[in-house]
Amino acid sequence: MDTKKRIAYLLVVGIVLIFVRNRLGSYMPQFASLGIAIILTIVSIGLLIVEKRLDLPFFYGYARHWDGGYLINSAFLLGLATFFYAVTMTYGVIALVLETAIYLLLCEVIKTHVTDSAKQ
């Protein structure tokens, strides 16, 4: 169930931000936008590994006055990367589909690896 929630969250954030990017346009150079997207993707994958290995809940950040900052997890960061990949609407949709597929694959691989490690 946790993987389904993560994928749904990634899709919602990604779709919303693709439309935001398309509506606002971009004055950022394409290479800078793609560079930021790649960095966010790498950070998101690293965070996903940590989340799965430590078996963290869906929203695991705790603080007294974060004003919604606790909604950030690896799925959110990957959805945010979609904003920067979405130089055009087509690029954004392609990026979101690829990100979702890779994220799902990584969730399953890490879950299997963690489960196998726990059995030993």
PDB file of N, CA and C in Angstrom:
ATOM      1  N   MET A   1       0.822  -1.203   0.000  1.00  0.00           N
ATOM      2  CA  MET A   1       0.000   0.000   0.000  1.00  0.00           C
ATOM      3  C   MET A   1       0.857   1.254   0.000  1.00  0.00           C
ATOM      4  N   ASP A   2       1.961   1.213   0.716  1.00  0.00           N
ATOM      5  CA  ASP A   2       2.830   2.377   0.805  1.00  0.00           C
ATOM      6  C   ASP A   2       3.362   2.776  -0.570  1.00  0.00           C
ATOM      7  N   THR A   3       3.723   1.795  -1.392  1.00  0.00           N
ATOM      8  CA  THR A   3       4.224   2.080  -2.733  1.00  0.00           C
ATOM      9  C   THR A   3       3.135   2.725  -3.581  1.00  0.00           C
ATOM     10  N   LYS A   4       1.909   2.263  -3.451  1.00  0.00           N
ATOM     11  CA  LYS A   4       0.804   2.852  -4.214  1.00  0.00           C
ATOM     12  C   LYS A   4       0.594   4.314  -3.819  1.00  0.00           C
ATOM     13  N   LYS A   5       0.681   4.603  -2.523  1.00  0.00           N
ATOM     14  CA  LYS A   5       0.528   5.990  -2.068  1.00  0.00           C
ATOM     15  C   LYS A   5       1.656   6.854  -2.612  1.00  0.00           C
ATOM     16  N   ARG A   6       2.864   6.322  -2.597  1.00  0.00           N
ATOM     17  CA  ARG A   6       4.012   7.078  -3.103  1.00  0.00           C
ATOM     18  C   ARG A   6       3.854   7.389  -4.592  1.00  0.00           C
ATOM     19  N   ILE A   7       3.440   6.390  -5.364  1.00  0.00           N
ATOM     20  CA  ILE A   7       3.252   6.582  -6.802  1.00  0.00           C
ATOM     21  C   ILE A   7       2.131   7.590  -7.058  1.00  0.00           C
ATOM     22  N   ALA A   8       1.030   7.466  -6.325  1.00  0.00           N
ATOM     23  CA  ALA A   8      -0.082   8.410  -6.492  1.00  0.00           C
ATOM     24  C   ALA A   8       0.372   9.831  -6.157  1.00  0.00           C
ATOM     25  N   TYR A   9       1.134   9.974  -5.090  1.00  0.00           N
ATOM     26  CA  TYR A   9       1.635  11.293  -4.684  1.00  0.00           C
ATOM     27  C   TYR A   9       2.568  11.860  -5.747  1.00  0.00           C
ATOM     28  N   LEU A  10       3.452  11.021  -6.276  1.00  0.00           N
ATOM     29  CA  LEU A  10       4.352  11.440  -7.349  1.00  0.00           C
ATOM     30  C   LEU A  10       3.561  11.917  -8.560  1.00  0.00           C
ATOM     31  N   LEU A  11       2.545  11.160  -8.950  1.00  0.00           N
ATOM     32  CA  LEU A  11       1.743  11.534 -10.115  1.00  0.00           C
ATOM     33  C   LEU A  11       0.976  12.833  -9.896  1.00  0.00           C
ATOM     34  N   VAL A  12       0.378  12.986  -8.732  1.00  0.00           N
ATOM     35  CA  VAL A  12      -0.381  14.216  -8.452  1.00  0.00           C
ATOM     36  C   VAL A  12       0.547  15.429  -8.478  1.00  0.00           C
ATOM     37  N   VAL A  13       1.656  15.343  -7.761  1.00  0.00           N
ATOM     38  CA  VAL A  13       2.600  16.468  -7.723  1.00  0.00           C
ATOM     39  C   VAL A  13       3.142  16.743  -9.120  1.00  0.00           C
ATOM     40  N   GLY A  14       3.521  15.685  -9.834  1.00  0.00           N
ATOM     41  CA  GLY A  14       4.075  15.848 -11.178  1.00  0.00           C
ATOM     42  C   GLY A  14       3.096  16.486 -12.146  1.00  0.00           C
ATOM     43  N   ILE A  15       1.865  15.998 -12.162  1.00  0.00           N
ATOM     44  CA  ILE A  15       0.857  16.531 -13.086  1.00  0.00           C
ATOM     45  C   ILE A  15       0.555  17.990 -12.770  1.00  0.00           C
ATOM     46  N   VAL A  16       0.368  18.300 -11.506  1.00  0.00           N
ATOM     47  CA  VAL A  16       0.091  19.690 -11.123  1.00  0.00           C
ATOM     48  C   VAL A  16       1.243  20.601 -11.553  1.00  0.00           C
ATOM     49  N   LEU A  17       2.466  20.165 -11.296  1.00  0.00           N
ATOM     50  CA  LEU A  17       3.609  21.025 -11.614  1.00  0.00           C
ATOM     51  C   LEU A  17       3.883  21.118 -13.113  1.00  0.00           C
ATOM     52  N   ILE A  18       3.525  20.100 -13.889  1.00  0.00           N
ATOM     53  CA  ILE A  18       3.634  20.212 -15.349  1.00  0.00           C
ATOM     54  C   ILE A  18       2.703  21.317 -15.834  1.00  0.00           C
ATOM     55  N   PHE A  19       1.476  21.327 -15.322  1.00  0.00           N
ATOM     56  CA  PHE A  19       0.532  22.363 -15.736  1.00  0.00           C
ATOM     57  C   PHE A  19       0.964  23.743 -15.248  1.00  0.00           C
ATOM     58  N   VAL A  20       1.502  23.813 -14.049  1.00  0.00           N
ATOM     59  CA  VAL A  20       2.001  25.098 -13.540  1.00  0.00           C
ATOM     60  C   VAL A  20       3.125  25.606 -14.432  1.00  0.00           C
ATOM     61  N   ARG A  21       4.069  24.732 -14.752  1.00  0.00           N
ATOM     62  CA  ARG A  21       5.203  25.128 -15.598  1.00  0.00           C
ATOM     63  C   ARG A  21       4.726  25.549 -16.983  1.00  0.00           C
ATOM     64  N   ASN A  22       3.769  24.804 -17.534  1.00  0.00           N
ATOM     65  CA  ASN A  22       3.245  25.126 -18.853  1.00  0.00           C
ATOM     66  C   ASN A  22       2.523  26.470 -18.838  1.00  0.00           C
ATOM     67  N   ARG A  23       1.807  26.738 -17.768  1.00  0.00           N
ATOM     68  CA  ARG A  23       1.044  27.989 -17.658  1.00  0.00           C
ATOM     69  C   ARG A  23       1.956  29.193 -17.429  1.00  0.00           C
ATOM     70  N   LEU A  24       2.965  29.006 -16.565  1.00  0.00           N
ATOM     71  CA  LEU A  24       3.860  30.110 -16.240  1.00  0.00           C
ATOM     72  C   LEU A  24       4.903  30.365 -17.305  1.00  0.00           C
ATOM     73  N   GLY A  25       5.267  29.328 -18.026  1.00  0.00           N
ATOM     74  CA  GLY A  25       6.372  29.456 -18.961  1.00  0.00           C
ATOM     75  C   GLY A  25       7.676  29.409 -18.186  1.00  0.00           C
ATOM     76  N   SER A  26       8.768  29.640 -18.885  1.00  0.00           N
ATOM     77  CA  SER A  26      10.052  29.581 -18.203  1.00  0.00           C
ATOM     78  C   SER A  26      11.011  30.586 -18.806  1.00  0.00           C
ATOM     79  N   TYR A  27      11.665  31.295 -17.923  1.00  0.00           N
ATOM     80  CA  TYR A  27      12.707  32.208 -18.355  1.00  0.00           C
ATOM     81  C   TYR A  27      14.071  31.645 -17.989  1.00  0.00           C
ATOM     82  N   MET A  28      14.069  30.424 -17.489  1.00  0.00           N
ATOM     83  CA  MET A  28      15.303  29.758 -17.090  1.00  0.00           C
ATOM     84  C   MET A  28      15.904  29.071 -18.320  1.00  0.00           C
ATOM     85  N   PRO A  29      17.215  29.160 -18.502  1.00  0.00           N
ATOM     86  CA  PRO A  29      17.827  28.437 -19.622  1.00  0.00           C
ATOM     87  C   PRO A  29      17.562  26.933 -19.514  1.00  0.00           C
ATOM     88  N   GLN A  30      17.406  26.295 -20.652  1.00  0.00           N
ATOM     89  CA  GLN A  30      17.058  24.878 -20.672  1.00  0.00           C
ATOM     90  C   GLN A  30      18.107  24.022 -19.971  1.00  0.00           C
ATOM     91  N   PHE A  31      19.389  24.314 -20.174  1.00  0.00           N
ATOM     92  CA  PHE A  31      20.431  23.495 -19.546  1.00  0.00           C
ATOM     93  C   PHE A  31      20.385  23.622 -18.025  1.00  0.00           C
ATOM     94  N   ALA A  32      20.059  24.796 -17.517  1.00  0.00           N
ATOM     95  CA  ALA A  32      19.960  24.984 -16.065  1.00  0.00           C
ATOM     96  C   ALA A  32      18.757  24.220 -15.517  1.00  0.00           C
ATOM     97  N   SER A  33      17.656  24.291 -16.226  1.00  0.00           N
ATOM     98  CA  SER A  33      16.443  23.594 -15.802  1.00  0.00           C
ATOM     99  C   SER A  33      16.677  22.085 -15.762  1.00  0.00           C
ATOM    100  N   LEU A  34      17.302  21.557 -16.797  1.00  0.00           N
ATOM    101  CA  LEU A  34      17.571  20.119 -16.834  1.00  0.00           C
ATOM    102  C   LEU A  34      18.609  19.720 -15.794  1.00  0.00           C
ATOM    103  N   GLY A  35      19.577  20.580 -15.529  1.00  0.00           N
ATOM    104  CA  GLY A  35      20.572  20.307 -14.490  1.00  0.00           C
ATOM    105  C   GLY A  35      19.934  20.202 -13.116  1.00  0.00           C
ATOM    106  N   ILE A  36      19.047  21.135 -12.807  1.00  0.00           N
ATOM    107  CA  ILE A  36      18.330  21.098 -11.525  1.00  0.00           C
ATOM    108  C   ILE A  36      17.474  19.834 -11.442  1.00  0.00           C
ATOM    109  N   ALA A  37      16.817  19.487 -12.546  1.00  0.00           N
ATOM    110  CA  ALA A  37      15.975  18.285 -12.569  1.00  0.00           C
ATOM    111  C   ALA A  37      16.794  17.029 -12.306  1.00  0.00           C
ATOM    112  N   ILE A  38      17.963  16.937 -12.905  1.00  0.00           N
ATOM    113  CA  ILE A  38      18.819  15.759 -12.710  1.00  0.00           C
ATOM    114  C   ILE A  38      19.286  15.676 -11.262  1.00  0.00           C
ATOM    115  N   ILE A  39      19.678  16.801 -10.690  1.00  0.00           N
ATOM    116  CA  ILE A  39      20.111  16.819  -9.281  1.00  0.00           C
ATOM    117  C   ILE A  39      18.964  16.382  -8.369  1.00  0.00           C
ATOM    118  N   LEU A  40      17.765  16.916  -8.588  1.00  0.00           N
ATOM    119  CA  LEU A  40      16.607  16.526  -7.772  1.00  0.00           C
ATOM    120  C   LEU A  40      16.278  15.043  -7.934  1.00  0.00           C
ATOM    121  N   THR A  41      16.444  14.525  -9.137  1.00  0.00           N
ATOM    122  CA  THR A  41      16.188  13.104  -9.376  1.00  0.00           C
ATOM    123  C   THR A  41      17.163  12.237  -8.595  1.00  0.00           C
ATOM    124  N   ILE A  42      18.439  12.594  -8.623  1.00  0.00           N
ATOM    125  CA  ILE A  42      19.456  11.834  -7.894  1.00  0.00           C
ATOM    126  C   ILE A  42      19.199  11.895  -6.388  1.00  0.00           C
ATOM    127  N   VAL A  43      18.898  13.084  -5.880  1.00  0.00           N
ATOM    128  CA  VAL A  43      18.603  13.235  -4.448  1.00  0.00           C
ATOM    129  C   VAL A  43      17.366  12.419  -4.073  1.00  0.00           C
ATOM    130  N   SER A  44      16.356  12.436  -4.922  1.00  0.00           N
ATOM    131  CA  SER A  44      15.129  11.691  -4.657  1.00  0.00           C
ATOM    132  C   SER A  44      15.384  10.188  -4.597  1.00  0.00           C
ATOM    133  N   ILE A  45      16.202   9.680  -5.502  1.00  0.00           N
ATOM    134  CA  ILE A  45      16.516   8.249  -5.494  1.00  0.00           C
ATOM    135  C   ILE A  45      17.288   7.887  -4.231  1.00  0.00           C
ATOM    136  N   GLY A  46      18.244   8.724  -3.852  1.00  0.00           N
ATOM    137  CA  GLY A  46      18.978   8.477  -2.608  1.00  0.00           C
ATOM    138  C   GLY A  46      18.057   8.491  -1.401  1.00  0.00           C
ATOM    139  N   LEU A  47      17.137   9.444  -1.378  1.00  0.00           N
ATOM    140  CA  LEU A  47      16.181   9.538  -0.272  1.00  0.00           C
ATOM    141  C   LEU A  47      15.238   8.336  -0.251  1.00  0.00           C
ATOM    142  N   LEU A  48      14.834   7.868  -1.422  1.00  0.00           N
ATOM    143  CA  LEU A  48      13.984   6.678  -1.497  1.00  0.00           C
ATOM    144  C   LEU A  48      14.688   5.473  -0.876  1.00  0.00           C
ATOM    145  N   ILE A  49      15.962   5.314  -1.172  1.00  0.00           N
ATOM    146  CA  ILE A  49      16.729   4.202  -0.605  1.00  0.00           C
ATOM    147  C   ILE A  49      16.746   4.295   0.918  1.00  0.00           C
ATOM    148  N   VAL A  50      16.980   5.495   1.437  1.00  0.00           N
ATOM    149  CA  VAL A  50      16.992   5.691   2.892  1.00  0.00           C
ATOM    150  C   VAL A  50      15.611   5.401   3.477  1.00  0.00           C
ATOM    151  N   GLU A  51      14.563   5.922   2.837  1.00  0.00           N
ATOM    152  CA  GLU A  51      13.196   5.710   3.329  1.00  0.00           C
ATOM    153  C   GLU A  51      12.844   4.227   3.393  1.00  0.00           C
ATOM    154  N   LYS A  52      13.206   3.493   2.374  1.00  0.00           N
ATOM    155  CA  LYS A  52      12.872   2.067   2.330  1.00  0.00           C
ATOM    156  C   LYS A  52      13.717   1.261   3.315  1.00  0.00           C
ATOM    157  N   ARG A  53      15.005   1.562   3.387  1.00  0.00           N
ATOM    158  CA  ARG A  53      15.882   0.802   4.293  1.00  0.00           C
ATOM    159  C   ARG A  53      15.516   1.029   5.756  1.00  0.00           C
ATOM    160  N   LEU A  54      15.136   2.258   6.089  1.00  0.00           N
ATOM    161  CA  LEU A  54      14.770   2.566   7.472  1.00  0.00           C
ATOM    162  C   LEU A  54      13.283   2.336   7.737  1.00  0.00           C
ATOM    163  N   ASP A  55      12.558   1.927   6.694  1.00  0.00           N
ATOM    164  CA  ASP A  55      11.123   1.658   6.798  1.00  0.00           C
ATOM    165  C   ASP A  55      10.377   2.854   7.393  1.00  0.00           C
ATOM    166  N   LEU A  56      10.643   4.021   6.822  1.00  0.00           N
ATOM    167  CA  LEU A  56      10.001   5.245   7.297  1.00  0.00           C
ATOM    168  C   LEU A  56       8.563   5.314   6.795  1.00  0.00           C
ATOM    169  N   PRO A  57       7.669   5.920   7.571  1.00  0.00           N
ATOM    170  CA  PRO A  57       6.288   6.076   7.107  1.00  0.00           C
ATOM    171  C   PRO A  57       6.220   7.050   5.932  1.00  0.00           C
ATOM    172  N   PHE A  58       5.046   7.131   5.318  1.00  0.00           N
ATOM    173  CA  PHE A  58       4.861   7.948   4.120  1.00  0.00           C
ATOM    174  C   PHE A  58       5.292   9.398   4.345  1.00  0.00           C
ATOM    175  N   PHE A  59       4.764  10.037   5.372  1.00  0.00           N
ATOM    176  CA  PHE A  59       5.212  11.372   5.772  1.00  0.00           C
ATOM    177  C   PHE A  59       5.897  11.217   7.113  1.00  0.00           C
ATOM    178  N   TYR A  60       7.190  11.337   7.132  1.00  0.00           N
ATOM    179  CA  TYR A  60       7.947  11.021   8.339  1.00  0.00           C
ATOM    180  C   TYR A  60       8.619  12.228   8.976  1.00  0.00           C
ATOM    181  N   GLY A  61       8.524  13.390   8.375  1.00  0.00           N
ATOM    182  CA  GLY A  61       9.165  14.573   8.943  1.00  0.00           C
ATOM    183  C   GLY A  61       8.339  15.137  10.083  1.00  0.00           C
ATOM    184  N   TYR A  62       9.000  15.469  11.151  1.00  0.00           N
ATOM    185  CA  TYR A  62       8.296  16.035  12.303  1.00  0.00           C
ATOM    186  C   TYR A  62       8.976  17.334  12.719  1.00  0.00           C
ATOM    187  N   ALA A  63       8.203  18.357  12.902  1.00  0.00           N
ATOM    188  CA  ALA A  63       8.699  19.625  13.426  1.00  0.00           C
ATOM    189  C   ALA A  63       7.495  20.420  13.896  1.00  0.00           C
ATOM    190  N   ARG A  64       7.747  21.337  14.761  1.00  0.00           N
ATOM    191  CA  ARG A  64       6.647  22.073  15.367  1.00  0.00           C
ATOM    192  C   ARG A  64       6.040  23.106  14.406  1.00  0.00           C
ATOM    193  N   HIS A  65       6.859  23.847  13.694  1.00  0.00           N
ATOM    194  CA  HIS A  65       6.356  24.951  12.860  1.00  0.00           C
ATOM    195  C   HIS A  65       6.860  24.837  11.426  1.00  0.00           C
ATOM    196  N   TRP A  66       6.588  23.749  10.768  1.00  0.00           N
ATOM    197  CA  TRP A  66       7.079  23.568   9.409  1.00  0.00           C
ATOM    198  C   TRP A  66       6.127  24.135   8.360  1.00  0.00           C
ATOM    199  N   ASP A  67       4.926  24.448   8.698  1.00  0.00           N
ATOM    200  CA  ASP A  67       3.945  24.981   7.751  1.00  0.00           C
ATOM    201  C   ASP A  67       3.841  24.124   6.486  1.00  0.00           C
ATOM    202  N   GLY A  68       3.694  22.838   6.647  1.00  0.00           N
ATOM    203  CA  GLY A  68       3.522  21.946   5.499  1.00  0.00           C
ATOM    204  C   GLY A  68       4.809  21.333   5.001  1.00  0.00           C
ATOM    205  N   GLY A  69       5.944  21.672   5.557  1.00  0.00           N
ATOM    206  CA  GLY A  69       7.218  21.129   5.109  1.00  0.00           C
ATOM    207  C   GLY A  69       7.334  19.634   5.296  1.00  0.00           C
ATOM    208  N   TYR A  70       6.505  19.071   6.134  1.00  0.00           N
ATOM    209  CA  TYR A  70       6.558  17.637   6.386  1.00  0.00           C
ATOM    210  C   TYR A  70       5.972  16.834   5.231  1.00  0.00           C
ATOM    211  N   LEU A  71       5.396  17.488   4.256  1.00  0.00           N
ATOM    212  CA  LEU A  71       4.839  16.784   3.106  1.00  0.00           C
ATOM    213  C   LEU A  71       5.912  16.400   2.093  1.00  0.00           C
ATOM    214  N   ILE A  72       7.150  16.686   2.406  1.00  0.00           N
ATOM    215  CA  ILE A  72       8.238  16.396   1.485  1.00  0.00           C
ATOM    216  C   ILE A  72       8.774  14.998   1.766  1.00  0.00           C
ATOM    217  N   ASN A  73       8.785  14.178   0.737  1.00  0.00           N
ATOM    218  CA  ASN A  73       9.429  12.876   0.770  1.00  0.00           C
ATOM    219  C   ASN A  73      10.029  12.639  -0.616  1.00  0.00           C
ATOM    220  N   SER A  74      10.538  11.449  -0.869  1.00  0.00           N
ATOM    221  CA  SER A  74      11.198  11.195  -2.150  1.00  0.00           C
ATOM    222  C   SER A  74      10.236  11.350  -3.329  1.00  0.00           C
ATOM    223  N   ALA A  75       8.983  10.979  -3.152  1.00  0.00           N
ATOM    224  CA  ALA A  75       8.000  11.112  -4.229  1.00  0.00           C
ATOM    225  C   ALA A  75       7.756  12.584  -4.561  1.00  0.00           C
ATOM    226  N   PHE A  76       7.695  13.423  -3.535  1.00  0.00           N
ATOM    227  CA  PHE A  76       7.501  14.851  -3.776  1.00  0.00           C
ATOM    228  C   PHE A  76       8.690  15.440  -4.530  1.00  0.00           C
ATOM    229  N   LEU A  77       9.898  15.088  -4.109  1.00  0.00           N
ATOM    230  CA  LEU A  77      11.084  15.625  -4.783  1.00  0.00           C
ATOM    231  C   LEU A  77      11.145  15.188  -6.240  1.00  0.00           C
ATOM    232  N   LEU A  78      10.752  13.957  -6.517  1.00  0.00           N
ATOM    233  CA  LEU A  78      10.745  13.490  -7.899  1.00  0.00           C
ATOM    234  C   LEU A  78       9.659  14.205  -8.700  1.00  0.00           C
ATOM    235  N   GLY A  79       8.518  14.454  -8.075  1.00  0.00           N
ATOM    236  CA  GLY A  79       7.478  15.249  -8.733  1.00  0.00           C
ATOM    237  C   GLY A  79       7.949  16.665  -9.002  1.00  0.00           C
ATOM    238  N   LEU A  80       8.711  17.222  -8.070  1.00  0.00           N
ATOM    239  CA  LEU A  80       9.286  18.555  -8.259  1.00  0.00           C
ATOM    240  C   LEU A  80      10.292  18.555  -9.406  1.00  0.00           C
ATOM    241  N   ALA A  81      11.037  17.485  -9.550  1.00  0.00           N
ATOM    242  CA  ALA A  81      11.977  17.370 -10.672  1.00  0.00           C
ATOM    243  C   ALA A  81      11.228  17.448 -12.000  1.00  0.00           C
ATOM    244  N   THR A  82      10.008  16.930 -12.029  1.00  0.00           N
ATOM    245  CA  THR A  82       9.190  16.982 -13.240  1.00  0.00           C
ATOM    246  C   THR A  82       8.973  18.423 -13.687  1.00  0.00           C
ATOM    247  N   PHE A  83       8.792  19.323 -12.727  1.00  0.00           N
ATOM    248  CA  PHE A  83       8.628  20.747 -13.048  1.00  0.00           C
ATOM    249  C   PHE A  83       9.811  21.241 -13.877  1.00  0.00           C
ATOM    250  N   PHE A  84      11.005  20.841 -13.497  1.00  0.00           N
ATOM    251  CA  PHE A  84      12.197  21.312 -14.195  1.00  0.00           C
ATOM    252  C   PHE A  84      12.444  20.555 -15.500  1.00  0.00           C
ATOM    253  N   TYR A  85      12.004  19.296 -15.578  1.00  0.00           N
ATOM    254  CA  TYR A  85      12.098  18.562 -16.846  1.00  0.00           C
ATOM    255  C   TYR A  85      11.108  19.106 -17.870  1.00  0.00           C
ATOM    256  N   ALA A  86      10.025  19.709 -17.415  1.00  0.00           N
ATOM    257  CA  ALA A  86       8.928  20.126 -18.292  1.00  0.00           C
ATOM    258  C   ALA A  86       9.260  21.412 -19.043  1.00  0.00           C
ATOM    259  N   VAL A  87      10.346  21.382 -19.790  1.00  0.00           N
ATOM    260  CA  VAL A  87      10.699  22.528 -20.632  1.00  0.00           C
ATOM    261  C   VAL A  87       9.581  22.743 -21.650  1.00  0.00           C
ATOM    262  N   THR A  88       9.021  21.648 -22.123  1.00  0.00           N
ATOM    263  CA  THR A  88       7.785  21.677 -22.913  1.00  0.00           C
ATOM    264  C   THR A  88       6.813  20.703 -22.249  1.00  0.00           C
ATOM    265  N   MET A  89       5.565  20.793 -22.610  1.00  0.00           N
ATOM    266  CA  MET A  89       4.563  19.887 -22.042  1.00  0.00           C
ATOM    267  C   MET A  89       4.922  18.434 -22.372  1.00  0.00           C
ATOM    268  N   THR A  90       5.374  18.189 -23.593  1.00  0.00           N
ATOM    269  CA  THR A  90       5.737  16.832 -24.006  1.00  0.00           C
ATOM    270  C   THR A  90       6.876  16.288 -23.165  1.00  0.00           C
ATOM    271  N   TYR A  91       7.918  17.086 -22.970  1.00  0.00           N
ATOM    272  CA  TYR A  91       9.049  16.653 -22.133  1.00  0.00           C
ATOM    273  C   TYR A  91       8.579  16.341 -20.715  1.00  0.00           C
ATOM    274  N   GLY A  92       7.693  17.157 -20.202  1.00  0.00           N
ATOM    275  CA  GLY A  92       7.185  16.949 -18.853  1.00  0.00           C
ATOM    276  C   GLY A  92       6.427  15.639 -18.712  1.00  0.00           C
ATOM    277  N   VAL A  93       5.565  15.347 -19.679  1.00  0.00           N
ATOM    278  CA  VAL A  93       4.785  14.106 -19.632  1.00  0.00           C
ATOM    279  C   VAL A  93       5.703  12.896 -19.779  1.00  0.00           C
ATOM    280  N   ILE A  94       6.642  12.963 -20.722  1.00  0.00           N
ATOM    281  CA  ILE A  94       7.592  11.857 -20.904  1.00  0.00           C
ATOM    282  C   ILE A  94       8.408  11.654 -19.632  1.00  0.00           C
ATOM    283  N   ALA A  95       8.886  12.741 -19.051  1.00  0.00           N
ATOM    284  CA  ALA A  95       9.680  12.646 -17.819  1.00  0.00           C
ATOM    285  C   ALA A  95       8.859  12.032 -16.696  1.00  0.00           C
ATOM    286  N   LEU A  96       7.610  12.446 -16.556  1.00  0.00           N
ATOM    287  CA  LEU A  96       6.766  11.916 -15.480  1.00  0.00           C
ATOM    288  C   LEU A  96       6.518  10.419 -15.654  1.00  0.00           C
ATOM    289  N   VAL A  97       6.269   9.984 -16.878  1.00  0.00           N
ATOM    290  CA  VAL A  97       6.057   8.555 -17.135  1.00  0.00           C
ATOM    291  C   VAL A  97       7.324   7.766 -16.801  1.00  0.00           C
ATOM    292  N   LEU A  98       8.476   8.251 -17.264  1.00  0.00           N
ATOM    293  CA  LEU A  98       9.739   7.560 -16.979  1.00  0.00           C
ATOM    294  C   LEU A  98      10.061   7.572 -15.490  1.00  0.00           C
ATOM    295  N   GLU A  99       9.864   8.715 -14.848  1.00  0.00           N
ATOM    296  CA  GLU A  99      10.124   8.810 -13.406  1.00  0.00           C
ATOM    297  C   GLU A  99       9.243   7.841 -12.622  1.00  0.00           C
ATOM    298  N   THR A 100       7.984   7.772 -12.998  1.00  0.00           N
ATOM    299  CA  THR A 100       7.050   6.888 -12.299  1.00  0.00           C
ATOM    300  C   THR A 100       7.458   5.427 -12.472  1.00  0.00           C
ATOM    301  N   ALA A 101       7.818   5.045 -13.694  1.00  0.00           N
ATOM    302  CA  ALA A 101       8.233   3.660 -13.947  1.00  0.00           C
ATOM    303  C   ALA A 101       9.502   3.316 -13.173  1.00  0.00           C
ATOM    304  N   ILE A 102      10.477   4.207 -13.201  1.00  0.00           N
ATOM    305  CA  ILE A 102      11.737   3.967 -12.489  1.00  0.00           C
ATOM    306  C   ILE A 102      11.496   3.944 -10.983  1.00  0.00           C
ATOM    307  N   TYR A 103      10.678   4.850 -10.490  1.00  0.00           N
ATOM    308  CA  TYR A 103      10.373   4.908  -9.056  1.00  0.00           C
ATOM    309  C   TYR A 103       9.694   3.618  -8.601  1.00  0.00           C
ATOM    310  N   LEU A 104       8.730   3.152  -9.378  1.00  0.00           N
ATOM    311  CA  LEU A 104       8.034   1.905  -9.048  1.00  0.00           C
ATOM    312  C   LEU A 104       9.008   0.734  -9.047  1.00  0.00           C
ATOM    313  N   LEU A 105       9.862   0.668 -10.052  1.00  0.00           N
ATOM    314  CA  LEU A 105      10.857  -0.400 -10.129  1.00  0.00           C
ATOM    315  C   LEU A 105      11.796  -0.362  -8.924  1.00  0.00           C
ATOM    316  N   LEU A 106      12.275   0.823  -8.584  1.00  0.00           N
ATOM    317  CA  LEU A 106      13.170   0.954  -7.431  1.00  0.00           C
ATOM    318  C   LEU A 106      12.473   0.582  -6.129  1.00  0.00           C
ATOM    319  N   CYS A 107      11.225   0.980  -5.973  1.00  0.00           N
ATOM    320  CA  CYS A 107      10.470   0.614  -4.761  1.00  0.00           C
ATOM    321  C   CYS A 107      10.394  -0.899  -4.619  1.00  0.00           C
ATOM    322  N   GLU A 108      10.116  -1.584  -5.713  1.00  0.00           N
ATOM    323  CA  GLU A 108       9.988  -3.042  -5.665  1.00  0.00           C
ATOM    324  C   GLU A 108      11.336  -3.715  -5.426  1.00  0.00           C
ATOM    325  N   VAL A 109      12.386  -3.238  -6.088  1.00  0.00           N
ATOM    326  CA  VAL A 109      13.717  -3.826  -5.918  1.00  0.00           C
ATOM    327  C   VAL A 109      14.211  -3.616  -4.492  1.00  0.00           C
ATOM    328  N   ILE A 110      14.058  -2.413  -3.980  1.00  0.00           N
ATOM    329  CA  ILE A 110      14.525  -2.116  -2.621  1.00  0.00           C
ATOM    330  C   ILE A 110      13.703  -2.896  -1.602  1.00  0.00           C
ATOM    331  N   LYS A 111      12.386  -2.990  -1.826  1.00  0.00           N
ATOM    332  CA  LYS A 111      11.533  -3.745  -0.905  1.00  0.00           C
ATOM    333  C   LYS A 111      11.969  -5.210  -0.864  1.00  0.00           C
ATOM    334  N   THR A 112      12.244  -5.786  -2.025  1.00  0.00           N
ATOM    335  CA  THR A 112      12.695  -7.173  -2.097  1.00  0.00           C
ATOM    336  C   THR A 112      14.038  -7.338  -1.407  1.00  0.00           C
ATOM    337  N   HIS A 113      14.945  -6.398  -1.641  1.00  0.00           N
ATOM    338  CA  HIS A 113      16.276  -6.467  -1.029  1.00  0.00           C
ATOM    339  C   HIS A 113      16.188  -6.342   0.492  1.00  0.00           C
ATOM    340  N   VAL A 114      15.382  -5.408   0.961  1.00  0.00           N
ATOM    341  CA  VAL A 114      15.227  -5.206   2.406  1.00  0.00           C
ATOM    342  C   VAL A 114      14.556  -6.426   3.038  1.00  0.00           C
ATOM    343  N   THR A 115      13.546  -6.993   2.368  1.00  0.00           N
ATOM    344  CA  THR A 115      12.861  -8.177   2.879  1.00  0.00           C
ATOM    345  C   THR A 115      13.817  -9.366   2.951  1.00  0.00           C
ATOM    346  N   ASP A 116      14.637  -9.549   1.914  1.00  0.00           N
ATOM    347  CA  ASP A 116      15.612 -10.640   1.914  1.00  0.00           C
ATOM    348  C   ASP A 116      16.644 -10.463   3.015  1.00  0.00           C
ATOM    349  N   SER A 117      17.070  -9.233   3.243  1.00  0.00           N
ATOM    350  CA  SER A 117      18.048  -8.952   4.298  1.00  0.00           C
ATOM    351  C   SER A 117      17.457  -9.227   5.677  1.00  0.00           C
ATOM    352  N   ALA A 118      16.181  -8.928   5.850  1.00  0.00           N
ATOM    353  CA  ALA A 118      15.523  -9.137   7.143  1.00  0.00           C
ATOM    354  C   ALA A 118      15.365 -10.628   7.454  1.00  0.00           C
ATOM    355  N   LYS A 119      15.206 -11.445   6.423  1.00  0.00           N
ATOM    356  CA  LYS A 119      15.038 -12.881   6.623  1.00  0.00           C
ATOM    357  C   LYS A 119      16.330 -13.536   7.106  1.00  0.00           C
ATOM    358  N   GLN A 120      17.463 -12.959   6.748  1.00  0.00           N
ATOM    359  CA  GLN A 120      18.750 -13.557   7.113  1.00  0.00           C
ATOM    360  C   GLN A 120      19.102 -13.263   8.498  1.00  0.00           C
TER     361      GLN A 120
END
